[in-house]
Amino acid sequence: MSKYIANISDCCGCSVCLSVCQCMAITMKPNDLGFLYPCIDEDLCIECGDCKDVCPVLETNLNKMVNLFDKKAYTGYLVDNIELLTSTSGGFANAISKKIIEQGGCVFGVKYGDNFIPEYDVAYTEEELEVFKGSKYTEVNNNKLFECVKSELNVGKKVLVIGLPCVIASLKKYINTNVNINNLYLCELICGGYTSRRVLSELIEEMENKYESKVSSFIFRVKNPYVLPCYFQVGFENGIIESMKWNETYFEKAYRLIKRDSCYNCKFKNIELSYADFIIGDHWGSENQMHYNKYGNSLILPRTPKALALIDSLEEQFFKIVEVDFEEAYKYNHMLSKSITNLEGSNYLKEYFKKNSLKRACELYNIKLKKELEEILSEIKGERYNVALWGVSMGIDNMYEKYDMKNWNIKYIFDSSEYKIGMNCHGLKVNNIKDIHKFNKKIDVIVSLISSTDCVVLKKQLLENGWKGKTFYMGKYRFI
């Protein structure tokens, strides 16, 4: 018989429970979507409680675990453009990794292991850091992380660990009472959730069949040459290198719609209760500021004195860093505090994927939603309605083309983001959705492009802002 440690919907799959089990009673087993969950063999379990004691999801007193929080924010990027182009965002993780190694320490990051399964490894040299570059977006094998970090700390090394909030929380819980953590630097990535290994494995298998060659390299978010639009690049043993837009792949659909259940209600999304020394990620909202770099900017939130000291040690000729307003940075980077949305229509794809290959699941998903979409588009096109769009996203250019919006009678565009309000989008000024009541006599229909789990929430927002007309909700069709 087997049982679970935490509620399935809360379990983050960190596998720290596996690391503390002395009876080898815990195994990580995939569910139908490919996400790993710890299962306890009751015949082997001695009910010592170690797994529950170390589980970050079951932690009831978060305040005893967290670091003090000083509201400082920085933006920055690597000065060397060649190095910057191969780094995620502005390359801050690369910069502090090299600094830690320069000081005689080591760095734990994620690389692709056998069969392109993302896994933790340790780097002692700058050359060994190269495999950590790039976002992975897929569930990571953490099995070697916890004990290895503890071992390095026990011999007095400085240790930098870069990981998702749930992994950082798990590691902090694991070592909190066991070792001296003064030499430990925890760097938390701003997280939008991740998809399963099964998704990535099937994508690679599909591409190998298409190109009749084994995949030799796989890079997400290749800068081509700029941060946007997003590309990923696949190399094959036969010498072919294929670059493709992120939004034209099965993986993009699966990444958006097939996430771990705990990601929809993440317990580690409270910035004031973070376990980390640093929180870093893309610096959205910096595009119109003088320190913006079109090749990538990192948002850097130091949370401890030793984090600030490490920032101060970075040479200006190597990494350009500028302090920015914390509240302004926080406002435009909502993944700092919000869990991802369980997007409308995602359950269709999940159910298809449980019983089919990724390719077939995506095909069935497209068939189901395309018919609905065609009916909506046939009504919107032409001069019948004065149309307003609601929701300016990174993918709006793609939506303009896909939905043939040039043949819509679009009069106005709206959004709720302060960053986007006032900007120009396809020749129209972006207005505040809170002002929609002023346009009731000028607009016949609003087309919402916002991805949401529940159209009722969007409808309520429009009603509260005084909208009285017709609305089409098209967010769930973005990933067809």
Protein backbone atom coordinates (compact mmCIF):
# COMPACT_ATOMS: atom_id res chain seq x y z
CA MET A 1 0.00 0.00 0.00
CA SER A 2 1.07 3.62 -0.48
CA LYS A 3 0.03 7.01 0.80
CA TYR A 4 0.92 10.66 0.24
CA ILE A 5 2.61 13.15 2.58
CA ALA A 6 0.80 16.39 1.80
CA ASN A 7 -2.45 17.08 -0.02
CA ILE A 8 -1.91 16.25 -3.70
CA SER A 9 -3.12 19.68 -4.81
CA ASP A 10 -0.55 21.36 -2.52
CA CYS A 11 2.50 19.15 -3.14
CA CYS A 12 5.20 21.05 -5.06
CA GLY A 13 7.18 17.92 -5.98
CA CYS A 14 10.42 19.19 -4.44
CA SER A 15 11.40 15.65 -3.27
CA VAL A 16 12.98 16.89 -0.02
CA CYS A 17 10.98 14.16 1.74
CA LEU A 18 12.82 11.58 -0.34
CA SER A 19 16.14 13.02 0.86
CA VAL A 20 15.38 12.58 4.57
CA CYS A 21 13.72 9.16 4.50
CA GLN A 22 16.07 6.68 6.20
CA CYS A 23 13.89 3.67 5.36
CA MET A 24 13.79 4.19 1.58
CA ALA A 25 10.02 4.11 1.91
CA ILE A 26 9.44 7.07 -0.45
CA THR A 27 9.49 6.99 -4.24
CA MET A 28 8.64 9.78 -6.68
CA LYS A 29 5.97 8.57 -9.09
CA PRO A 30 4.47 10.40 -12.10
CA ASN A 31 0.76 11.03 -12.46
CA ASP A 32 -1.08 10.83 -15.79
CA LEU A 33 0.30 14.23 -16.87
CA GLY A 34 3.87 13.32 -15.93
CA PHE A 35 4.25 15.35 -12.71
CA LEU A 36 6.11 13.59 -9.90
CA TYR A 37 4.59 13.01 -6.46
CA PRO A 38 6.12 11.30 -3.40
CA CYS A 39 4.43 8.05 -2.44
CA ILE A 40 5.07 6.26 0.86
CA ASP A 41 5.23 2.50 0.97
CA GLU A 42 3.40 1.77 4.21
CA ASP A 43 5.08 -1.62 4.50
CA LEU A 44 8.48 0.10 4.76
CA CYS A 45 7.47 3.26 6.64
CA ILE A 46 8.25 3.35 10.40
CA GLU A 47 6.18 6.54 10.88
CA CYS A 48 9.12 8.58 12.19
CA GLY A 49 7.57 11.77 10.77
CA ASP A 50 10.81 13.10 9.23
CA CYS A 51 9.15 13.58 5.84
CA LYS A 52 6.35 15.69 7.29
CA ASP A 53 8.75 17.69 9.46
CA VAL A 54 10.83 18.74 6.45
CA CYS A 55 7.93 19.36 4.02
CA PRO A 56 7.75 23.12 3.24
CA VAL A 57 4.09 22.81 2.24
CA LEU A 58 3.20 21.64 5.75
CA GLU A 59 5.22 24.41 7.46
CA THR A 60 2.82 26.37 9.66
CA ASN A 61 5.22 29.00 11.02
CA LEU A 62 6.73 30.63 7.95
CA ASN A 63 8.06 33.61 9.92
CA LYS A 64 10.68 31.49 11.70
CA MET A 65 12.16 30.48 8.32
CA VAL A 66 12.29 33.71 6.32
CA ASN A 67 14.96 36.32 5.91
CA LEU A 68 14.45 39.95 6.81
CA PHE A 69 13.14 42.05 3.94
CA ASP A 70 14.52 45.42 2.90
CA LYS A 71 12.57 46.89 0.00
CA LYS A 72 15.38 47.54 -2.43
CA ALA A 73 15.26 46.85 -6.16
CA TYR A 74 17.87 46.94 -8.91
CA THR A 75 17.99 46.41 -12.63
CA GLY A 76 21.07 45.33 -14.50
CA TYR A 77 22.73 43.48 -17.33
CA LEU A 78 26.06 41.99 -18.36
CA VAL A 79 28.23 44.55 -20.14
CA ASP A 80 29.59 41.98 -22.60
CA ASN A 81 26.85 41.68 -25.24
CA ILE A 82 28.07 38.27 -26.42
CA GLU A 83 27.79 36.93 -22.88
CA LEU A 84 24.45 38.69 -22.43
CA LEU A 85 22.97 37.11 -25.56
CA THR A 86 23.59 33.62 -24.17
CA SER A 87 22.19 34.47 -20.72
CA THR A 88 18.61 34.65 -19.51
CA SER A 89 17.25 38.16 -18.86
CA GLY A 90 20.18 40.44 -18.02
CA GLY A 91 22.47 37.65 -16.86
CA PHE A 92 22.54 38.50 -13.14
CA ALA A 93 22.53 34.84 -12.11
CA ASN A 94 25.60 34.32 -14.30
CA ALA A 95 27.30 37.36 -12.76
CA ILE A 96 26.88 36.31 -9.13
CA SER A 97 27.71 32.70 -9.99
CA LYS A 98 31.10 33.79 -11.33
CA LYS A 99 31.66 35.97 -8.28
CA ILE A 100 30.96 33.08 -5.89
CA ILE A 101 33.36 30.83 -7.82
CA GLU A 102 35.96 33.61 -7.83
CA GLN A 103 35.68 33.62 -4.03
CA GLY A 104 36.36 29.87 -3.88
CA GLY A 105 32.75 28.76 -3.65
CA CYS A 106 30.48 26.58 -5.77
CA VAL A 107 27.15 27.02 -7.54
CA PHE A 108 24.17 24.69 -7.79
CA GLY A 109 22.08 25.16 -10.92
CA VAL A 110 19.95 23.18 -13.35
CA LYS A 111 21.28 21.49 -16.47
CA TYR A 112 19.89 18.96 -18.92
CA GLY A 113 20.80 15.41 -17.93
CA ASP A 114 20.14 12.12 -19.68
CA ASN A 115 17.21 12.27 -22.11
CA PHE A 116 17.04 16.03 -21.49
CA ILE A 117 15.62 15.62 -18.00
CA PRO A 118 16.44 18.85 -16.11
CA GLU A 119 18.50 18.10 -13.00
CA TYR A 120 20.61 19.89 -10.41
CA ASP A 121 24.38 19.79 -10.62
CA VAL A 122 27.26 21.69 -9.01
CA ALA A 123 29.83 23.94 -10.71
CA TYR A 124 33.27 24.73 -9.29
CA THR A 125 34.62 26.60 -12.35
CA GLU A 126 33.32 29.25 -14.72
CA GLU A 127 33.43 26.73 -17.56
CA GLU A 128 31.12 24.39 -15.64
CA LEU A 129 28.54 27.19 -15.30
CA GLU A 130 27.76 27.13 -19.02
CA VAL A 131 25.33 24.18 -18.76
CA PHE A 132 23.18 26.12 -16.28
CA LYS A 133 22.36 28.89 -18.74
CA GLY A 134 18.83 29.19 -20.07
CA SER A 135 15.35 28.63 -18.71
CA LYS A 136 14.17 25.01 -18.44
CA TYR A 137 10.39 25.47 -17.83
CA THR A 138 10.10 21.77 -16.96
CA GLU A 139 9.95 19.83 -13.67
CA VAL A 140 13.47 19.36 -12.30
CA ASN A 141 15.12 16.34 -10.68
CA ASN A 142 16.17 17.69 -7.25
CA ASN A 143 17.27 14.37 -5.77
CA LYS A 144 20.99 15.24 -5.52
CA LEU A 145 20.51 18.82 -4.37
CA PHE A 146 19.82 18.72 -0.66
CA GLU A 147 22.54 16.41 0.67
CA CYS A 148 25.16 17.84 -1.73
CA VAL A 149 24.52 21.43 -0.60
CA LYS A 150 24.78 20.34 3.03
CA SER A 151 28.08 18.56 2.33
CA GLU A 152 29.63 21.64 0.69
CA LEU A 153 28.55 23.86 3.59
CA ASN A 154 29.98 21.40 6.10
CA VAL A 155 33.46 21.79 4.59
CA GLY A 156 33.22 25.59 4.80
CA LYS A 157 32.54 26.46 1.15
CA LYS A 158 30.46 29.37 0.00
CA VAL A 159 27.45 27.93 -1.80
CA LEU A 160 25.04 29.63 -4.22
CA VAL A 161 21.81 27.83 -5.09
CA ILE A 162 19.58 29.12 -7.90
CA GLY A 163 16.05 27.74 -8.04
CA LEU A 164 12.29 28.15 -7.99
CA PRO A 165 10.58 29.43 -4.82
CA CYS A 166 9.37 25.97 -3.78
CA VAL A 167 12.86 24.48 -4.16
CA ILE A 168 14.49 27.32 -2.22
CA ALA A 169 11.90 26.87 0.55
CA SER A 170 12.52 23.12 0.62
CA LEU A 171 16.28 23.57 0.86
CA LYS A 172 15.97 26.17 3.62
CA LYS A 173 13.73 23.83 5.59
CA TYR A 174 16.12 20.92 5.05
CA ILE A 175 19.24 22.68 6.29
CA ASN A 176 17.70 25.19 8.68
CA THR A 177 18.73 23.36 11.85
CA ASN A 178 21.48 21.13 10.56
CA VAL A 179 24.34 23.37 9.37
CA ASN A 180 25.75 26.89 9.56
CA ILE A 181 24.08 28.81 6.75
CA ASN A 182 26.22 31.96 6.81
CA ASN A 183 27.98 30.77 3.64
CA LEU A 184 24.74 29.87 1.87
CA TYR A 185 23.33 32.21 -0.78
CA LEU A 186 19.81 31.41 -1.98
CA CYS A 187 18.70 32.94 -5.27
CA GLU A 188 15.00 32.57 -6.06
CA LEU A 189 13.69 32.88 -9.61
CA ILE A 190 10.44 34.73 -10.25
CA CYS A 191 8.27 31.81 -11.24
CA GLY A 192 5.39 31.32 -13.68
CA GLY A 193 5.04 27.62 -12.94
CA TYR A 194 6.39 24.72 -14.96
CA THR A 195 5.14 21.86 -17.08
CA SER A 196 5.93 18.14 -16.80
CA ARG A 197 8.90 16.14 -18.05
CA ARG A 198 6.51 14.08 -20.11
CA VAL A 199 5.66 17.18 -22.16
CA LEU A 200 9.30 17.89 -22.97
CA SER A 201 10.11 14.22 -23.63
CA GLU A 202 7.27 13.88 -26.13
CA LEU A 203 8.18 17.15 -27.83
CA ILE A 204 11.76 15.94 -28.32
CA GLU A 205 10.55 12.57 -29.60
CA GLU A 206 8.25 14.29 -32.08
CA MET A 207 11.07 16.52 -33.37
CA GLU A 208 13.48 13.60 -33.68
CA ASN A 209 10.94 11.78 -35.81
CA LYS A 210 10.39 14.86 -37.96
CA TYR A 211 14.10 15.55 -38.58
CA GLU A 212 15.19 11.88 -38.54
CA SER A 213 17.98 12.63 -36.10
CA LYS A 214 18.60 12.65 -32.34
CA VAL A 215 18.33 16.00 -30.54
CA SER A 216 21.76 17.15 -29.34
CA SER A 217 20.90 20.54 -27.82
CA PHE A 218 17.79 22.32 -26.63
CA ILE A 219 17.64 26.01 -25.68
CA PHE A 220 14.55 27.89 -24.58
CA ARG A 221 14.25 31.64 -25.00
CA VAL A 222 17.02 32.17 -27.50
CA LYS A 223 17.60 35.89 -28.02
CA ASN A 224 17.11 36.39 -31.74
CA PRO A 225 18.78 38.81 -31.12
CA TYR A 226 16.43 40.55 -28.66
CA VAL A 227 14.45 39.28 -25.66
CA LEU A 228 11.17 39.42 -27.60
CA PRO A 229 9.67 37.69 -29.48
CA CYS A 230 10.57 34.45 -27.73
CA TYR A 231 12.32 31.74 -29.74
CA PHE A 232 13.68 28.36 -28.88
CA GLN A 233 16.41 26.50 -30.69
CA VAL A 234 16.93 22.79 -31.23
CA GLY A 235 20.15 21.22 -32.51
CA PHE A 236 20.32 17.74 -34.05
CA GLU A 237 23.14 15.24 -34.40
CA ASN A 238 22.85 15.46 -38.21
CA GLY A 239 23.92 19.12 -38.02
CA ILE A 240 20.52 20.74 -38.46
CA ILE A 241 19.79 23.66 -36.13
CA GLU A 242 16.15 24.71 -36.05
CA SER A 243 14.92 27.98 -34.52
CA MET A 244 11.23 28.55 -34.10
CA LYS A 245 8.94 31.05 -32.45
CA TRP A 246 7.85 29.98 -29.00
CA ASN A 247 4.16 30.53 -29.81
CA GLU A 248 4.28 28.24 -32.86
CA THR A 249 5.11 25.06 -30.94
CA TYR A 250 3.27 22.36 -29.04
CA PHE A 251 5.46 23.14 -26.05
CA GLU A 252 4.14 26.69 -25.72
CA LYS A 253 0.57 25.40 -25.59
CA ALA A 254 1.47 22.72 -23.04
CA TYR A 255 3.57 25.11 -20.94
CA ARG A 256 0.69 27.57 -20.72
CA LEU A 257 -2.05 25.03 -20.10
CA ILE A 258 -0.50 21.98 -18.39
CA LYS A 259 0.91 23.04 -15.02
CA ARG A 260 1.29 21.35 -11.67
CA ASP A 261 -1.81 21.75 -9.47
CA SER A 262 0.16 23.46 -6.68
CA CYS A 263 1.29 26.18 -9.11
CA TYR A 264 -2.27 27.53 -9.26
CA ASN A 265 -2.20 28.21 -5.52
CA CYS A 266 1.50 28.57 -4.77
CA LYS A 267 2.31 28.75 -1.07
CA PHE A 268 5.59 30.53 -1.75
CA LYS A 269 4.33 33.59 -3.64
CA ASN A 270 4.51 36.01 -0.70
CA ILE A 271 7.48 38.27 -1.39
CA GLU A 272 7.69 39.34 2.25
CA LEU A 273 7.89 35.71 3.37
CA SER A 274 10.49 34.55 0.88
CA TYR A 275 13.25 32.22 2.05
CA ALA A 276 15.78 33.71 -0.37
CA ASP A 277 18.66 36.16 -0.22
CA PHE A 278 17.86 37.30 -3.78
CA ILE A 279 14.75 37.25 -5.92
CA ILE A 280 15.51 37.71 -9.63
CA GLY A 281 13.81 37.52 -13.01
CA ASP A 282 12.93 39.45 -16.14
CA HIS A 283 12.52 43.18 -15.51
CA TRP A 284 9.18 43.80 -17.17
CA GLY A 285 8.18 47.45 -17.24
CA SER A 286 11.71 48.69 -17.86
CA GLU A 287 11.26 49.06 -21.62
CA ASN A 288 10.77 52.83 -21.57
CA GLN A 289 13.42 53.61 -18.95
CA MET A 290 16.90 54.93 -19.66
CA HIS A 291 18.60 51.84 -18.19
CA TYR A 292 16.71 49.46 -20.50
CA ASN A 293 18.79 47.06 -22.59
CA LYS A 294 17.05 45.49 -25.58
CA TYR A 295 19.19 42.37 -25.13
CA GLY A 296 17.82 41.77 -21.64
CA ASN A 297 17.45 43.26 -18.15
CA SER A 298 17.42 41.42 -14.83
CA LEU A 299 15.20 42.57 -11.99
CA ILE A 300 17.12 42.06 -8.74
CA LEU A 301 15.54 42.18 -5.29
CA PRO A 302 18.17 41.68 -2.56
CA ARG A 303 16.68 40.64 0.77
CA THR A 304 19.67 40.28 3.11
CA PRO A 305 22.88 42.15 3.96
CA LYS A 306 25.04 39.43 2.39
CA ALA A 307 23.01 39.76 -0.82
CA LEU A 308 23.71 43.49 -0.90
CA ALA A 309 27.39 42.83 -0.22
CA LEU A 310 27.55 40.43 -3.17
CA ILE A 311 25.93 43.06 -5.42
CA ASP A 312 28.48 45.65 -4.25
CA SER A 313 31.30 43.28 -5.20
CA LEU A 314 30.28 43.19 -8.88
CA GLU A 315 32.64 45.29 -11.01
CA GLU A 316 30.89 47.96 -13.10
CA GLN A 317 32.89 47.06 -16.19
CA PHE A 318 31.49 43.53 -15.91
CA PHE A 319 27.88 44.07 -14.80
CA LYS A 320 25.93 47.32 -15.12
CA ILE A 321 23.54 47.72 -12.19
CA VAL A 322 21.21 50.58 -11.22
CA GLU A 323 18.92 50.94 -8.22
CA VAL A 324 15.27 51.45 -9.20
CA ASP A 325 12.05 52.19 -7.36
CA PHE A 326 10.87 49.04 -5.60
CA GLU A 327 7.14 49.77 -5.84
CA GLU A 328 7.44 50.57 -9.54
CA ALA A 329 9.29 47.31 -10.23
CA TYR A 330 6.87 45.31 -8.11
CA LYS A 331 3.87 46.75 -9.92
CA TYR A 332 4.92 45.48 -13.35
CA ASN A 333 6.13 42.04 -12.26
CA HIS A 334 2.95 40.44 -10.97
CA MET A 335 4.44 36.93 -10.80
CA LEU A 336 6.29 38.13 -7.70
CA SER A 337 3.08 37.83 -5.71
CA LYS A 338 0.44 36.09 -7.83
CA SER A 339 0.03 32.43 -8.62
CA ILE A 340 -0.49 31.53 -12.24
CA THR A 341 -4.05 31.38 -13.54
CA ASN A 342 -5.64 28.05 -14.40
CA LEU A 343 -6.50 29.23 -17.89
CA GLU A 344 -9.93 28.63 -19.32
CA GLY A 345 -9.82 25.61 -21.59
CA SER A 346 -6.76 24.08 -19.92
CA ASN A 347 -8.78 21.17 -18.53
CA TYR A 348 -9.62 20.11 -22.10
CA LEU A 349 -5.95 19.76 -22.99
CA LYS A 350 -5.10 18.02 -19.72
CA GLU A 351 -7.79 15.40 -20.21
CA TYR A 352 -6.72 14.80 -23.81
CA PHE A 353 -3.07 14.50 -22.74
CA LYS A 354 -3.85 11.88 -20.10
CA LYS A 355 -4.96 9.50 -22.85
CA ASN A 356 -3.02 10.67 -25.91
CA SER A 357 0.39 11.84 -27.09
CA LEU A 358 1.19 15.54 -26.77
CA LYS A 359 0.77 16.03 -30.51
CA ARG A 360 -2.61 14.30 -30.62
CA ALA A 361 -3.81 16.05 -27.45
CA CYS A 362 -2.99 19.44 -29.00
CA GLU A 363 -4.77 18.46 -32.22
CA LEU A 364 -7.92 17.45 -30.33
CA TYR A 365 -7.77 20.64 -28.30
CA ASN A 366 -7.52 22.73 -31.46
CA ILE A 367 -10.43 20.93 -33.13
CA LYS A 368 -12.69 21.54 -30.14
CA LEU A 369 -11.95 25.24 -29.79
CA LYS A 370 -11.60 26.21 -33.46
CA LYS A 371 -15.28 25.72 -34.16
CA GLU A 372 -16.24 28.05 -31.31
CA LEU A 373 -13.67 30.60 -32.47
CA GLU A 374 -14.85 30.58 -36.09
CA GLU A 375 -18.39 31.44 -35.00
CA ILE A 376 -17.16 34.41 -32.95
CA LEU A 377 -14.85 35.69 -35.69
CA SER A 378 -17.57 35.54 -38.32
CA GLU A 379 -19.69 37.87 -36.20
CA ILE A 380 -16.94 40.36 -35.34
CA LYS A 381 -15.40 40.85 -38.79
CA GLY A 382 -16.46 43.73 -40.97
CA GLU A 383 -18.17 47.02 -40.17
CA ARG A 384 -21.06 45.60 -38.17
CA TYR A 385 -19.61 46.60 -34.80
CA ASN A 386 -17.47 49.38 -33.40
CA VAL A 387 -15.00 47.14 -31.58
CA ALA A 388 -12.79 47.72 -28.53
CA LEU A 389 -10.01 45.34 -27.51
CA TRP A 390 -9.31 44.62 -23.87
CA GLY A 391 -5.90 43.22 -22.97
CA VAL A 392 -2.51 44.15 -24.43
CA SER A 393 -0.17 41.18 -24.09
CA MET A 394 3.19 40.17 -25.54
CA GLY A 395 1.28 38.02 -28.01
CA ILE A 396 -1.00 40.72 -29.38
CA ASP A 397 0.89 40.99 -32.68
CA ASN A 398 0.42 37.28 -33.21
CA MET A 399 -3.28 37.59 -32.36
CA TYR A 400 -3.72 40.44 -34.85
CA GLU A 401 -2.46 38.16 -37.59
CA LYS A 402 -4.18 34.98 -36.43
CA TYR A 403 -7.60 36.60 -35.97
CA ASP A 404 -7.27 38.81 -39.09
CA MET A 405 -7.91 41.88 -36.94
CA LYS A 406 -7.07 44.25 -39.78
CA ASN A 407 -10.58 43.46 -41.02
CA TRP A 408 -12.20 44.32 -37.69
CA ASN A 409 -13.61 47.77 -37.05
CA ILE A 410 -11.37 48.40 -34.03
CA LYS A 411 -11.86 51.84 -32.53
CA TYR A 412 -10.29 51.60 -29.06
CA ILE A 413 -7.90 49.49 -26.99
CA PHE A 414 -8.03 49.06 -23.21
CA ASP A 415 -5.89 47.56 -20.48
CA SER A 416 -5.61 47.68 -16.69
CA SER A 417 -1.80 47.81 -16.45
CA GLU A 418 -0.40 51.24 -15.60
CA TYR A 419 2.63 50.38 -17.69
CA LYS A 420 0.55 49.77 -20.82
CA ILE A 421 -2.01 52.58 -20.41
CA GLY A 422 -1.08 55.48 -22.68
CA MET A 423 1.19 53.46 -24.97
CA ASN A 424 0.52 53.11 -28.70
CA CYS A 425 -0.69 49.75 -29.91
CA HIS A 426 -1.34 49.23 -33.63
CA GLY A 427 -1.95 52.94 -34.11
CA LEU A 428 -4.33 53.33 -31.16
CA LYS A 429 -3.75 54.74 -27.70
CA VAL A 430 -4.29 52.24 -24.87
CA ASN A 431 -6.99 53.45 -22.49
CA ASN A 432 -7.68 52.52 -18.86
CA ILE A 433 -10.38 49.83 -18.58
CA LYS A 434 -11.69 51.68 -15.53
CA ASP A 435 -12.84 54.41 -17.93
CA ILE A 436 -14.91 52.04 -20.07
CA HIS A 437 -18.15 53.63 -18.85
CA LYS A 438 -17.21 56.77 -20.79
CA PHE A 439 -17.29 54.80 -24.05
CA ASN A 440 -20.68 53.08 -23.78
CA LYS A 441 -22.10 55.14 -26.67
CA LYS A 442 -18.99 54.81 -28.83
CA ILE A 443 -18.47 51.05 -28.66
CA ASP A 444 -20.79 48.20 -29.66
CA VAL A 445 -18.70 45.27 -28.43
CA ILE A 446 -15.63 44.56 -26.33
CA VAL A 447 -13.38 41.68 -27.30
CA SER A 448 -11.46 40.45 -24.26
CA LEU A 449 -8.08 38.95 -25.15
CA ILE A 450 -7.27 38.20 -21.51
CA SER A 451 -6.51 34.61 -20.55
CA SER A 452 -8.57 33.75 -17.50
CA THR A 453 -9.87 30.71 -15.72
CA ASP A 454 -13.30 32.25 -15.34
CA CYS A 455 -15.09 34.68 -17.68
CA VAL A 456 -17.44 35.51 -14.80
CA VAL A 457 -14.57 37.35 -13.09
CA LEU A 458 -13.90 39.42 -16.20
CA LYS A 459 -17.60 40.13 -16.68
CA LYS A 460 -17.88 41.34 -13.09
CA GLN A 461 -14.92 43.68 -13.61
CA LEU A 462 -16.55 45.21 -16.68
CA LEU A 463 -19.87 45.66 -14.89
CA GLU A 464 -18.14 47.34 -11.94
CA ASN A 465 -16.49 49.76 -14.38
CA GLY A 466 -19.84 50.62 -15.96
CA TRP A 467 -19.80 48.62 -19.21
CA LYS A 468 -23.32 47.91 -20.49
CA GLY A 469 -22.67 46.42 -23.92
CA LYS A 470 -21.80 43.08 -25.46
CA THR A 471 -18.55 41.21 -24.75
CA PHE A 472 -16.74 38.34 -26.45
CA TYR A 473 -14.23 36.48 -24.28
CA MET A 474 -11.46 35.12 -26.49
CA GLY A 475 -8.65 34.47 -24.02
CA LYS A 476 -8.99 30.71 -24.13
CA TYR A 477 -8.47 30.68 -27.92
CA ARG A 478 -4.98 32.21 -27.71
CA PHE A 479 -3.26 28.85 -27.65
CA ILE A 480 -5.00 27.16 -30.59
